[in-house]
Amino acid sequence: MGRRPRSAPTGQRIRPRSINTGSVDAGQQVSTLEPVPGGSIFRIGVIPPEDPNVPLAERERQMAKMFEQMNATHCRGNTSQHPGMHKTRTIDYVVLVSGKVTLMLNEGEVDLEPGDVVVQRGTDHAWLNKGKEPAVIAGVLIDAKEVR
C-alpha cells in the first residue's frame, strides 16, 4: 500500500485559536470500533482478500479476536451468515478508496467500487473482499441511538 495513513488531530488553546496537536501514525493507534457516547471516530481500514482455503472455524476465531481487540464483542450478533457480521450503535459514512469490496446485509449484497459511498444506519453487515488485492475504506462513525 506504500505510505501508511496518518491522522492530523487538531484542537484549541484557551483562547479560540486552532492548532495542530501532532501527527499520529494511524496504524499505531489503539482502536475501538464504536465512538464514545456523543462522539465520532474517523477510521481508515484495509480489508484483505478472503482466502477460501481458510476453514470457517478459523475465520470465526480470527474475527472474534479482531472484535475483542476493538472492545466490540457486544457488536457481534448472529454470525451464521458470515463471521464478520456485526452491528454498531452508529451512523457511518464510508467511502471505498481503493480495491473492490462487497457489503453483505441480512438480505442481499452490494458490490462496491472505488468512490462508492455507504451510509450505514446501525444495521447488521459485513465487509467482504472477494478480489485478489486489499481494499481500503475510510469512514466516519457517529454515535447514535440503537435502531430497533
Protein backbone atom coordinates (compact mmCIF):
# COMPACT_ATOMS: atom_id res chain seq x y z
CA MET A 1 0.00 0.00 0.00
CA GLY A 2 3.02 2.30 0.24
CA ARG A 3 2.88 5.13 2.74
CA ARG A 4 0.93 4.39 5.94
CA PRO A 5 -2.03 6.70 6.58
CA ARG A 6 -1.57 9.32 9.30
CA SER A 7 -4.08 11.47 11.12
CA ALA A 8 -3.61 15.17 11.87
CA PRO A 9 -5.66 15.88 15.01
CA THR A 10 -6.45 19.50 15.83
CA GLY A 11 -7.54 21.24 19.00
CA GLN A 12 -7.94 24.66 20.61
CA ARG A 13 -5.93 26.61 23.12
CA ILE A 14 -7.62 28.55 25.94
CA ARG A 15 -8.19 31.41 23.50
CA PRO A 16 -10.13 30.12 20.48
CA ARG A 17 -7.19 29.54 18.13
CA SER A 18 -6.88 26.33 16.15
CA ILE A 19 -3.67 24.30 16.42
CA ASN A 20 -2.22 21.06 15.07
CA THR A 21 -1.88 18.76 18.08
CA GLY A 22 0.55 16.48 16.27
CA SER A 23 0.62 13.95 13.50
CA VAL A 24 -0.07 10.37 14.52
CA ASP A 25 0.55 7.18 12.55
CA ALA A 26 -3.00 5.86 12.22
CA GLY A 27 -1.68 2.29 12.20
CA GLN A 28 -0.18 2.76 15.67
CA GLN A 29 -3.36 3.96 17.36
CA VAL A 30 -5.30 1.67 19.68
CA SER A 31 -8.70 1.45 18.09
CA THR A 32 -12.17 0.81 19.35
CA LEU A 33 -14.93 0.05 16.95
CA GLU A 34 -17.54 2.44 18.35
CA PRO A 35 -17.03 6.07 19.40
CA VAL A 36 -17.66 7.24 22.95
CA PRO A 37 -21.25 8.38 23.69
CA GLY A 38 -21.90 11.59 21.79
CA GLY A 39 -18.61 11.19 19.89
CA SER A 40 -17.32 10.22 16.49
CA ILE A 41 -14.36 8.31 15.04
CA PHE A 42 -12.64 8.65 11.68
CA ARG A 43 -11.18 5.38 10.54
CA ILE A 44 -9.17 4.06 7.61
CA GLY A 45 -9.37 0.29 7.23
CA VAL A 46 -7.75 -2.27 4.98
CA ILE A 47 -9.90 -5.26 4.08
CA PRO A 48 -7.72 -8.16 2.93
CA PRO A 49 -8.94 -10.62 0.31
CA GLU A 50 -10.80 -13.58 1.78
CA ASP A 51 -8.89 -16.84 1.48
CA PRO A 52 -11.30 -19.64 0.53
CA ASN A 53 -8.77 -22.18 1.84
CA VAL A 54 -9.15 -20.96 5.44
CA PRO A 55 -11.74 -23.12 7.25
CA LEU A 56 -14.87 -21.41 8.56
CA ALA A 57 -13.95 -22.20 12.19
CA GLU A 58 -10.60 -20.42 11.76
CA ARG A 59 -12.22 -17.38 10.12
CA GLU A 60 -14.67 -17.25 13.03
CA ARG A 61 -11.76 -17.39 15.50
CA GLN A 62 -9.91 -14.59 13.65
CA MET A 63 -13.00 -12.37 13.57
CA ALA A 64 -13.78 -12.99 17.24
CA LYS A 65 -10.20 -11.96 18.12
CA MET A 66 -10.39 -8.83 15.97
CA PHE A 67 -13.66 -7.68 17.56
CA GLU A 68 -12.25 -8.44 21.02
CA GLN A 69 -9.18 -6.28 20.26
CA MET A 70 -11.53 -3.40 19.36
CA ASN A 71 -13.60 -3.81 22.56
CA ALA A 72 -16.53 -4.74 20.34
CA THR A 73 -17.55 -8.31 21.17
CA HIS A 74 -21.01 -6.89 22.02
CA CYS A 75 -21.38 -5.77 18.38
CA ARG A 76 -21.32 -9.32 17.05
CA GLY A 77 -24.68 -10.96 16.79
CA ASN A 78 -25.70 -13.82 14.55
CA THR A 79 -22.56 -14.69 12.60
CA SER A 80 -24.06 -17.72 10.82
CA GLN A 81 -24.27 -15.72 7.58
CA HIS A 82 -20.63 -14.58 7.82
CA PRO A 83 -18.07 -14.45 10.66
CA GLY A 84 -17.69 -10.67 10.16
CA MET A 85 -21.37 -9.82 10.65
CA HIS A 86 -21.83 -7.08 13.23
CA LYS A 87 -23.98 -4.10 14.15
CA THR A 88 -22.86 -0.89 15.81
CA ARG A 89 -24.80 1.85 17.55
CA THR A 90 -23.61 4.36 14.97
CA ILE A 91 -24.37 6.09 11.72
CA ASP A 92 -21.40 5.51 9.42
CA TYR A 93 -20.35 7.39 6.30
CA VAL A 94 -17.94 5.09 4.46
CA VAL A 95 -16.18 5.59 1.13
CA LEU A 96 -14.30 2.88 -0.75
CA VAL A 97 -10.90 4.38 -1.53
CA SER A 98 -9.35 1.52 -3.49
CA GLY A 99 -9.98 -2.08 -4.44
CA LYS A 100 -13.36 -3.74 -4.56
CA VAL A 101 -15.49 -4.81 -1.64
CA THR A 102 -18.93 -6.30 -1.07
CA LEU A 103 -21.23 -5.02 1.66
CA MET A 104 -23.16 -8.02 2.99
CA LEU A 105 -26.51 -7.31 4.63
CA ASN A 106 -29.08 -9.66 6.16
CA GLU A 107 -30.92 -9.56 2.84
CA GLY A 108 -28.60 -9.15 -0.09
CA GLU A 109 -25.20 -7.84 -1.03
CA VAL A 110 -23.95 -4.63 -2.64
CA ASP A 111 -20.77 -4.70 -4.75
CA LEU A 112 -18.76 -1.51 -4.33
CA GLU A 113 -16.03 0.12 -6.43
CA PRO A 114 -13.65 2.99 -5.61
CA GLY A 115 -15.55 6.20 -4.93
CA ASP A 116 -18.76 4.44 -3.87
CA VAL A 117 -20.24 5.66 -0.59
CA VAL A 118 -22.23 3.72 2.02
CA VAL A 119 -24.42 5.32 4.67
CA GLN A 120 -24.60 2.55 7.25
CA ARG A 121 -27.50 3.15 9.65
CA GLY A 122 -26.85 0.74 12.51
CA THR A 123 -27.80 -2.45 10.69
CA ASP A 124 -26.19 -5.91 10.59
CA HIS A 125 -23.47 -6.00 7.99
CA ALA A 126 -20.08 -7.42 7.00
CA TRP A 127 -17.37 -6.23 4.60
CA LEU A 128 -16.15 -8.92 2.16
CA ASN A 129 -13.24 -8.72 -0.21
CA LYS A 130 -13.77 -11.34 -2.91
CA GLY A 131 -10.91 -9.98 -5.03
CA LYS A 132 -7.18 -10.57 -5.04
CA GLU A 133 -6.00 -7.13 -3.81
CA PRO A 134 -6.58 -5.44 -0.43
CA ALA A 135 -9.40 -2.90 -0.36
CA VAL A 136 -9.14 0.40 1.55
CA ILE A 137 -12.16 2.09 3.13
CA ALA A 138 -12.36 5.38 5.01
CA GLY A 139 -15.26 6.22 7.25
CA VAL A 140 -16.71 8.40 9.95
CA LEU A 141 -18.66 6.57 12.68
CA ILE A 142 -21.01 8.81 14.67
CA ASP A 143 -22.61 7.70 17.92
CA ALA A 144 -26.36 7.24 17.58
CA LYS A 145 -29.30 5.62 19.30
CA GLU A 146 -29.77 1.95 18.55
CA VAL A 147 -32.17 1.15 15.74
CA ARG A 148 -34.72 -1.50 16.77
